[in-house]
């Protein structure tokens, strides 16, 4: 299974989601390929936001990589494309080259069985607590995703 996580700038939420999915999959012995990207291009080549990296480290997530912009080839490369919020979802649906590609896109947080909330808010520019909350949300969604994939295997 190849999974792409997507947020706006690919420096806060999507790299955290990538790390959380990788950690949950490793813990459960599930083989997945995970990457992350952003719908915007202004941070391409930049590392993840330092507050995201620090908040992730506090919960055992290894957040790393370099920001990149999602592209049309991603719809062929990945089996599942997970958006962090409704705006990311809309942008991905507009970029998707086909009905089949659009079928791969959904909101990441919908995998979290403990909430009816569907979005992971962007912590950028906010207090440290926002980054910590992001880690809680991506971890819960990642755990739910991996449980779903295990049931389908």
N, C-alpha and C. Protein backbone atom coordinates (compact mmCIF):
# COMPACT_ATOMS: atom_id res chain seq x y z
N UNK A 1 0.84 -1.18 0.00
CA UNK A 1 0.00 0.00 0.00
C UNK A 1 0.89 1.24 0.00
N UNK A 2 0.60 2.15 -0.90
CA UNK A 2 1.35 3.41 -1.00
C UNK A 2 0.41 4.55 -0.63
N UNK A 3 0.81 5.33 0.37
CA UNK A 3 -0.04 6.37 0.94
C UNK A 3 0.66 7.72 0.87
N UNK A 4 -0.08 8.74 0.43
CA UNK A 4 0.43 10.11 0.41
C UNK A 4 -0.43 10.95 1.35
N UNK A 5 0.21 11.68 2.27
CA UNK A 5 -0.50 12.62 3.14
C UNK A 5 -0.27 14.02 2.60
N UNK A 6 -1.33 14.84 2.63
CA UNK A 6 -1.26 16.16 2.00
C UNK A 6 -1.86 17.23 2.90
N UNK A 7 -1.10 18.32 3.07
CA UNK A 7 -1.62 19.52 3.73
C UNK A 7 -1.30 20.71 2.82
N UNK A 8 -1.34 21.91 3.36
CA UNK A 8 -1.12 23.09 2.54
C UNK A 8 0.34 23.27 2.14
N UNK A 9 1.24 23.31 3.11
CA UNK A 9 2.64 23.66 2.83
C UNK A 9 3.62 22.50 2.98
N UNK A 10 3.15 21.36 3.48
CA UNK A 10 3.99 20.19 3.69
C UNK A 10 5.13 20.44 4.68
N UNK A 11 4.83 21.24 5.72
CA UNK A 11 5.83 21.47 6.76
C UNK A 11 5.32 21.19 8.17
N UNK A 12 4.02 21.01 8.35
CA UNK A 12 3.47 20.76 9.69
C UNK A 12 2.67 19.46 9.75
N UNK A 13 1.46 19.48 9.20
CA UNK A 13 0.55 18.35 9.37
C UNK A 13 0.90 17.13 8.54
N UNK A 14 1.14 17.29 7.25
CA UNK A 14 1.37 16.10 6.43
C UNK A 14 2.66 15.36 6.77
N UNK A 15 3.77 16.04 7.10
CA UNK A 15 4.93 15.26 7.53
C UNK A 15 4.69 14.55 8.86
N UNK A 16 3.89 15.18 9.74
CA UNK A 16 3.54 14.52 11.01
C UNK A 16 2.67 13.30 10.75
N UNK A 17 1.72 13.43 9.84
CA UNK A 17 0.86 12.30 9.49
C UNK A 17 1.68 11.18 8.86
N UNK A 18 2.61 11.54 8.00
CA UNK A 18 3.50 10.54 7.39
C UNK A 18 4.25 9.77 8.47
N UNK A 19 4.82 10.49 9.43
CA UNK A 19 5.57 9.84 10.52
C UNK A 19 4.66 8.96 11.37
N UNK A 20 3.45 9.43 11.65
CA UNK A 20 2.52 8.67 12.48
C UNK A 20 2.07 7.39 11.78
N UNK A 21 1.82 7.46 10.48
CA UNK A 21 1.42 6.27 9.72
C UNK A 21 2.58 5.27 9.70
N UNK A 22 3.77 5.77 9.44
CA UNK A 22 4.95 4.89 9.41
C UNK A 22 5.14 4.18 10.75
N UNK A 23 5.01 4.93 11.85
CA UNK A 23 5.18 4.35 13.18
C UNK A 23 4.11 3.30 13.47
N UNK A 24 2.86 3.61 13.16
CA UNK A 24 1.76 2.66 13.41
C UNK A 24 1.91 1.41 12.55
N UNK A 25 2.30 1.58 11.30
CA UNK A 25 2.48 0.43 10.41
C UNK A 25 3.63 -0.46 10.89
N UNK A 26 4.73 0.16 11.29
CA UNK A 26 5.87 -0.61 11.81
C UNK A 26 5.48 -1.39 13.06
N UNK A 27 4.75 -0.73 13.95
CA UNK A 27 4.31 -1.38 15.19
C UNK A 27 3.44 -2.61 14.91
N UNK A 28 2.61 -2.52 13.88
CA UNK A 28 1.68 -3.60 13.54
C UNK A 28 2.25 -4.56 12.50
N UNK A 29 3.47 -4.33 12.05
CA UNK A 29 4.09 -5.21 11.07
C UNK A 29 3.45 -5.13 9.69
N UNK A 30 2.87 -4.00 9.38
CA UNK A 30 2.21 -3.80 8.08
C UNK A 30 3.16 -3.04 7.16
N UNK A 31 3.31 -3.54 5.96
CA UNK A 31 4.24 -2.92 5.01
C UNK A 31 3.52 -1.83 4.22
N UNK A 32 3.94 -0.59 4.39
CA UNK A 32 3.38 0.53 3.64
C UNK A 32 4.51 1.45 3.20
N UNK A 33 4.27 2.13 2.10
CA UNK A 33 5.16 3.20 1.66
C UNK A 33 4.41 4.50 1.90
N UNK A 34 5.03 5.44 2.60
CA UNK A 34 4.35 6.69 2.95
C UNK A 34 5.21 7.87 2.53
N UNK A 35 4.55 8.89 1.99
CA UNK A 35 5.21 10.14 1.64
C UNK A 35 4.25 11.26 1.99
N UNK A 36 4.72 12.49 1.89
CA UNK A 36 3.86 13.64 2.14
C UNK A 36 4.16 14.72 1.12
N UNK A 37 3.17 15.61 0.95
CA UNK A 37 3.30 16.71 -0.01
C UNK A 37 2.36 17.83 0.41
N UNK A 38 2.50 18.97 -0.24
CA UNK A 38 1.62 20.10 0.02
C UNK A 38 0.92 20.53 -1.25
N UNK A 39 -0.19 21.21 -1.08
CA UNK A 39 -0.90 21.74 -2.25
C UNK A 39 -0.28 23.06 -2.70
N UNK A 40 0.45 23.72 -1.82
CA UNK A 40 1.15 24.96 -2.16
C UNK A 40 2.62 24.71 -2.40
N UNK A 41 3.27 25.63 -3.10
CA UNK A 41 4.67 25.42 -3.50
C UNK A 41 5.67 26.33 -2.80
N UNK A 42 5.23 27.22 -1.92
CA UNK A 42 6.15 28.22 -1.39
C UNK A 42 7.20 27.67 -0.44
N UNK A 43 7.04 26.46 0.09
CA UNK A 43 8.04 25.88 1.01
C UNK A 43 8.82 24.72 0.40
N UNK A 44 8.71 24.53 -0.90
CA UNK A 44 9.38 23.41 -1.55
C UNK A 44 10.86 23.41 -1.19
N UNK A 45 11.35 22.24 -0.76
CA UNK A 45 12.74 22.07 -0.39
C UNK A 45 13.06 22.38 1.06
N UNK A 46 12.10 22.94 1.79
CA UNK A 46 12.33 23.29 3.19
C UNK A 46 12.07 22.09 4.10
N UNK A 47 12.75 22.02 5.24
CA UNK A 47 12.48 20.95 6.20
C UNK A 47 11.16 21.21 6.93
N UNK A 48 10.65 20.24 7.66
CA UNK A 48 9.44 20.45 8.45
C UNK A 48 9.63 21.59 9.46
N UNK A 49 8.52 22.20 9.83
CA UNK A 49 8.54 23.31 10.80
C UNK A 49 9.15 22.81 12.12
N UNK A 50 10.07 23.58 12.71
CA UNK A 50 10.72 23.14 13.95
C UNK A 50 9.75 22.78 15.07
N UNK A 51 8.66 23.54 15.20
CA UNK A 51 7.70 23.21 16.27
C UNK A 51 7.00 21.89 16.00
N UNK A 52 6.79 21.56 14.74
CA UNK A 52 6.21 20.25 14.40
C UNK A 52 7.19 19.14 14.76
N UNK A 53 8.44 19.33 14.41
CA UNK A 53 9.47 18.33 14.72
C UNK A 53 9.56 18.12 16.23
N UNK A 54 9.56 19.21 16.99
CA UNK A 54 9.67 19.12 18.45
C UNK A 54 8.43 18.46 19.06
N UNK A 55 7.25 18.85 18.60
CA UNK A 55 6.01 18.25 19.12
C UNK A 55 5.96 16.77 18.77
N UNK A 56 6.40 16.43 17.58
CA UNK A 56 6.44 15.02 17.19
C UNK A 56 7.39 14.22 18.06
N UNK A 57 8.55 14.78 18.33
CA UNK A 57 9.53 14.08 19.16
C UNK A 57 8.97 13.80 20.55
N UNK A 58 8.14 14.71 21.06
CA UNK A 58 7.56 14.51 22.39
C UNK A 58 6.63 13.29 22.45
N UNK A 59 6.11 12.87 21.29
CA UNK A 59 5.22 11.70 21.26
C UNK A 59 5.83 10.54 20.46
N UNK A 60 7.14 10.62 20.22
CA UNK A 60 7.84 9.52 19.57
C UNK A 60 7.71 9.47 18.06
N UNK A 61 7.38 10.61 17.43
CA UNK A 61 7.31 10.65 15.97
C UNK A 61 8.58 11.27 15.41
N UNK A 62 9.15 10.60 14.42
CA UNK A 62 10.36 11.07 13.76
C UNK A 62 9.94 11.81 12.49
N UNK A 63 9.81 13.12 12.61
CA UNK A 63 9.33 13.96 11.50
C UNK A 63 10.54 14.53 10.78
N UNK A 64 10.64 14.21 9.50
CA UNK A 64 11.77 14.68 8.70
C UNK A 64 11.35 14.82 7.25
N UNK A 65 12.31 15.07 6.39
CA UNK A 65 12.03 15.19 4.96
C UNK A 65 12.14 16.63 4.48
N UNK A 66 11.73 16.84 3.26
CA UNK A 66 11.75 18.16 2.62
C UNK A 66 10.40 18.37 1.95
N UNK A 67 9.89 19.58 2.07
CA UNK A 67 8.59 19.90 1.49
C UNK A 67 8.63 19.77 -0.04
N UNK A 68 7.53 19.26 -0.56
CA UNK A 68 7.35 19.20 -2.00
C UNK A 68 5.89 19.47 -2.32
N UNK A 69 5.64 19.81 -3.56
CA UNK A 69 4.27 20.08 -3.99
C UNK A 69 3.69 18.82 -4.63
N UNK A 70 2.45 18.53 -4.30
CA UNK A 70 1.77 17.40 -4.91
C UNK A 70 1.66 17.64 -6.41
N UNK A 71 1.73 16.55 -7.19
CA UNK A 71 1.63 16.69 -8.64
C UNK A 71 0.74 15.59 -9.22
N UNK A 72 0.40 15.72 -10.47
CA UNK A 72 -0.55 14.77 -11.08
C UNK A 72 -0.01 13.34 -11.10
N UNK A 73 1.30 13.16 -11.16
CA UNK A 73 1.87 11.80 -11.14
C UNK A 73 1.61 11.09 -9.82
N UNK A 74 1.41 11.85 -8.74
CA UNK A 74 1.12 11.24 -7.44
C UNK A 74 -0.16 10.41 -7.48
N UNK A 75 -1.09 10.78 -8.33
CA UNK A 75 -2.35 10.04 -8.42
C UNK A 75 -2.15 8.66 -9.03
N UNK A 76 -1.10 8.49 -9.81
CA UNK A 76 -0.75 7.16 -10.34
C UNK A 76 0.11 6.39 -9.34
N UNK A 77 1.00 7.08 -8.67
CA UNK A 77 1.98 6.43 -7.78
C UNK A 77 1.35 5.91 -6.50
N UNK A 78 0.36 6.62 -5.94
CA UNK A 78 -0.18 6.27 -4.63
C UNK A 78 -1.55 5.62 -4.72
N UNK A 79 -1.79 4.69 -3.78
CA UNK A 79 -3.08 4.00 -3.70
C UNK A 79 -4.10 4.82 -2.92
N UNK A 80 -3.60 5.65 -2.01
CA UNK A 80 -4.46 6.44 -1.13
C UNK A 80 -3.82 7.80 -0.92
N UNK A 81 -4.62 8.86 -1.05
CA UNK A 81 -4.13 10.22 -0.86
C UNK A 81 -5.00 10.86 0.21
N UNK A 82 -4.38 11.22 1.33
CA UNK A 82 -5.10 11.65 2.52
C UNK A 82 -4.90 13.14 2.79
N UNK A 83 -5.99 13.88 2.71
CA UNK A 83 -5.98 15.33 2.93
C UNK A 83 -6.20 15.65 4.40
N UNK A 84 -5.56 16.71 4.86
CA UNK A 84 -5.69 17.11 6.26
C UNK A 84 -6.95 17.94 6.53
N UNK A 85 -7.43 18.68 5.52
CA UNK A 85 -8.64 19.48 5.73
C UNK A 85 -9.43 19.60 4.43
N UNK A 86 -10.60 20.23 4.53
CA UNK A 86 -11.51 20.31 3.39
C UNK A 86 -10.93 21.12 2.23
N UNK A 87 -10.13 22.13 2.54
CA UNK A 87 -9.51 22.91 1.47
C UNK A 87 -8.49 22.06 0.72
N UNK A 88 -7.68 21.30 1.45
CA UNK A 88 -6.73 20.38 0.79
C UNK A 88 -7.48 19.37 -0.05
N UNK A 89 -8.59 18.85 0.48
CA UNK A 89 -9.40 17.87 -0.24
C UNK A 89 -9.91 18.47 -1.56
N UNK A 90 -10.45 19.67 -1.48
CA UNK A 90 -10.95 20.34 -2.69
C UNK A 90 -9.83 20.54 -3.71
N UNK A 91 -8.68 21.01 -3.25
CA UNK A 91 -7.56 21.23 -4.16
C UNK A 91 -7.10 19.93 -4.82
N UNK A 92 -7.08 18.86 -4.05
CA UNK A 92 -6.69 17.56 -4.61
C UNK A 92 -7.71 17.06 -5.63
N UNK A 93 -8.98 17.25 -5.33
CA UNK A 93 -10.03 16.82 -6.27
C UNK A 93 -9.92 17.59 -7.59
N UNK A 94 -9.56 18.86 -7.50
CA UNK A 94 -9.38 19.67 -8.72
C UNK A 94 -8.16 19.23 -9.51
N UNK A 95 -7.12 18.79 -8.82
CA UNK A 95 -5.89 18.35 -9.47
C UNK A 95 -6.00 16.93 -10.03
N UNK A 96 -6.85 16.13 -9.44
CA UNK A 96 -6.97 14.72 -9.85
C UNK A 96 -7.33 14.63 -11.33
N UNK A 97 -6.58 13.81 -12.10
CA UNK A 97 -6.80 13.75 -13.54
C UNK A 97 -7.99 12.90 -13.99
N UNK A 98 -8.60 12.15 -13.07
CA UNK A 98 -9.69 11.26 -13.48
C UNK A 98 -10.59 10.92 -12.31
N UNK A 99 -11.71 10.30 -12.63
CA UNK A 99 -12.64 9.82 -11.59
C UNK A 99 -11.94 8.79 -10.70
N UNK A 100 -11.15 7.92 -11.30
CA UNK A 100 -10.41 6.90 -10.55
C UNK A 100 -9.42 7.55 -9.59
N UNK A 101 -8.77 8.61 -10.03
CA UNK A 101 -7.82 9.33 -9.17
C UNK A 101 -8.55 9.99 -8.02
N UNK A 102 -9.70 10.60 -8.29
CA UNK A 102 -10.47 11.25 -7.22
C UNK A 102 -10.93 10.23 -6.18
N UNK A 103 -11.16 9.00 -6.59
CA UNK A 103 -11.61 7.96 -5.66
C UNK A 103 -10.53 7.60 -4.63
N UNK A 104 -9.29 7.96 -4.89
CA UNK A 104 -8.19 7.67 -3.97
C UNK A 104 -8.07 8.71 -2.85
N UNK A 105 -8.78 9.82 -2.97
CA UNK A 105 -8.62 10.96 -2.07
C UNK A 105 -9.70 10.97 -0.99
N UNK A 106 -9.27 11.17 0.24
CA UNK A 106 -10.23 11.33 1.35
C UNK A 106 -9.57 12.09 2.49
N UNK A 107 -10.37 12.48 3.45
CA UNK A 107 -9.86 13.18 4.62
C UNK A 107 -9.23 12.19 5.59
N UNK A 108 -8.02 12.47 6.01
CA UNK A 108 -7.26 11.57 6.87
C UNK A 108 -7.95 11.32 8.20
N UNK A 109 -8.48 12.36 8.81
CA UNK A 109 -9.02 12.21 10.16
C UNK A 109 -10.28 11.34 10.20
N UNK A 110 -10.88 11.07 9.06
CA UNK A 110 -12.06 10.19 9.07
C UNK A 110 -11.70 8.78 9.50
N UNK A 111 -10.44 8.46 9.56
CA UNK A 111 -10.01 7.14 10.06
C UNK A 111 -9.96 7.07 11.58
N UNK A 112 -10.08 8.20 12.25
CA UNK A 112 -10.05 8.23 13.72
C UNK A 112 -11.43 7.87 14.25
N UNK A 113 -11.60 6.68 14.84
CA UNK A 113 -12.93 6.26 15.30
C UNK A 113 -13.41 6.99 16.55
N UNK A 114 -12.54 7.77 17.18
CA UNK A 114 -12.90 8.41 18.45
C UNK A 114 -13.54 9.79 18.27
N UNK A 115 -13.69 10.25 17.02
CA UNK A 115 -14.24 11.59 16.80
C UNK A 115 -15.06 11.63 15.52
N UNK A 116 -16.00 12.57 15.48
CA UNK A 116 -16.74 12.85 14.26
C UNK A 116 -16.11 13.99 13.48
N UNK A 117 -15.10 14.62 14.07
CA UNK A 117 -14.39 15.70 13.38
C UNK A 117 -13.65 15.11 12.19
N UNK A 118 -13.65 15.82 11.08
CA UNK A 118 -13.04 15.29 9.86
C UNK A 118 -11.74 15.99 9.47
N UNK A 119 -11.45 17.13 10.09
CA UNK A 119 -10.29 17.91 9.70
C UNK A 119 -9.24 17.97 10.80
N UNK A 120 -8.00 18.11 10.36
CA UNK A 120 -6.89 18.39 11.28
C UNK A 120 -6.49 19.84 11.03
N UNK A 121 -6.80 20.74 11.96
CA UNK A 121 -6.51 22.16 11.75
C UNK A 121 -5.02 22.43 11.61
N UNK A 122 -4.70 23.45 10.85
CA UNK A 122 -3.31 23.83 10.64
C UNK A 122 -2.78 24.56 11.88
N UNK A 123 -1.73 24.03 12.51
CA UNK A 123 -1.19 24.69 13.71
C UNK A 123 -0.26 25.85 13.40
N UNK A 124 0.11 26.02 12.13
CA UNK A 124 1.12 27.00 11.75
C UNK A 124 0.77 28.38 12.30
N UNK A 125 1.75 28.99 12.95
CA UNK A 125 1.60 30.34 13.47
C UNK A 125 0.90 30.42 14.81
N UNK A 126 0.45 29.27 15.31
CA UNK A 126 -0.26 29.25 16.59
C UNK A 126 0.65 28.84 17.73
N UNK A 127 0.06 28.63 18.90
CA UNK A 127 0.84 28.26 20.08
C UNK A 127 1.35 26.82 20.01
N UNK A 128 2.30 26.52 20.85
CA UNK A 128 2.88 25.17 20.93
C UNK A 128 1.80 24.12 21.15
N UNK A 129 0.77 24.45 21.93
CA UNK A 129 -0.30 23.50 22.21
C UNK A 129 -0.98 23.03 20.93
N UNK A 130 -1.06 23.91 19.93
CA UNK A 130 -1.66 23.53 18.65
C UNK A 130 -0.86 22.44 17.95
N UNK A 131 0.44 22.52 18.03
CA UNK A 131 1.30 21.49 17.44
C UNK A 131 1.15 20.18 18.21
N UNK A 132 1.07 20.29 19.53
CA UNK A 132 0.87 19.08 20.34
C UNK A 132 -0.47 18.42 20.00
N UNK A 133 -1.51 19.23 19.83
CA UNK A 133 -2.83 18.68 19.47
C UNK A 133 -2.78 18.03 18.09
N UNK A 134 -2.03 18.62 17.18
CA UNK A 134 -1.88 18.02 15.85
C UNK A 134 -1.30 16.62 15.97
N UNK A 135 -0.31 16.44 16.83
CA UNK A 135 0.30 15.12 17.00
C UNK A 135 -0.70 14.11 17.55
N UNK A 136 -1.55 14.54 18.48
CA UNK A 136 -2.59 13.66 19.01
C UNK A 136 -3.54 13.25 17.89
N UNK A 137 -3.95 14.22 17.07
CA UNK A 137 -4.89 13.94 15.98
C UNK A 137 -4.30 13.02 14.92
N UNK A 138 -3.06 13.29 14.49
CA UNK A 138 -2.48 12.46 13.43
C UNK A 138 -2.19 11.05 13.95
N UNK A 139 -1.83 10.93 15.21
CA UNK A 139 -1.58 9.60 15.78
C UNK A 139 -2.86 8.79 15.84
N UNK A 140 -3.95 9.40 16.29
CA UNK A 140 -5.23 8.68 16.36
C UNK A 140 -5.72 8.29 14.97
N UNK A 141 -5.58 9.18 14.00
CA UNK A 141 -6.01 8.87 12.64
C UNK A 141 -5.12 7.79 12.02
N UNK A 142 -3.82 7.85 12.28
CA UNK A 142 -2.90 6.83 11.76
C UNK A 142 -3.22 5.47 12.35
N UNK A 143 -3.48 5.42 13.64
CA UNK A 143 -3.84 4.14 14.27
C UNK A 143 -5.11 3.57 13.65
N UNK A 144 -6.11 4.43 13.42
CA UNK A 144 -7.35 3.99 12.79
C UNK A 144 -7.14 3.53 11.37
N UNK A 145 -6.30 4.23 10.63
CA UNK A 145 -5.99 3.85 9.25
C UNK A 145 -5.34 2.47 9.22
N UNK A 146 -4.35 2.25 10.06
CA UNK A 146 -3.64 0.97 10.06
C UNK A 146 -4.58 -0.16 10.47
N UNK A 147 -5.46 0.08 11.43
CA UNK A 147 -6.46 -0.94 11.80
C UNK A 147 -7.36 -1.27 10.61
N UNK A 148 -7.76 -0.25 9.87
CA UNK A 148 -8.59 -0.45 8.67
C UNK A 148 -7.84 -1.28 7.64
N UNK A 149 -6.59 -0.95 7.40
CA UNK A 149 -5.79 -1.69 6.41
C UNK A 149 -5.56 -3.13 6.85
N UNK A 150 -5.37 -3.35 8.15
CA UNK A 150 -5.20 -4.72 8.65
C UNK A 150 -6.46 -5.55 8.40
N UNK A 151 -7.63 -4.96 8.61
CA UNK A 151 -8.89 -5.67 8.38
C UNK A 151 -9.08 -6.01 6.91
N UNK A 152 -8.56 -5.16 6.03
CA UNK A 152 -8.71 -5.38 4.59
C UNK A 152 -7.70 -6.36 4.04
N UNK A 153 -6.64 -6.62 4.79
CA UNK A 153 -5.55 -7.49 4.30
C UNK A 153 -5.98 -8.95 4.25
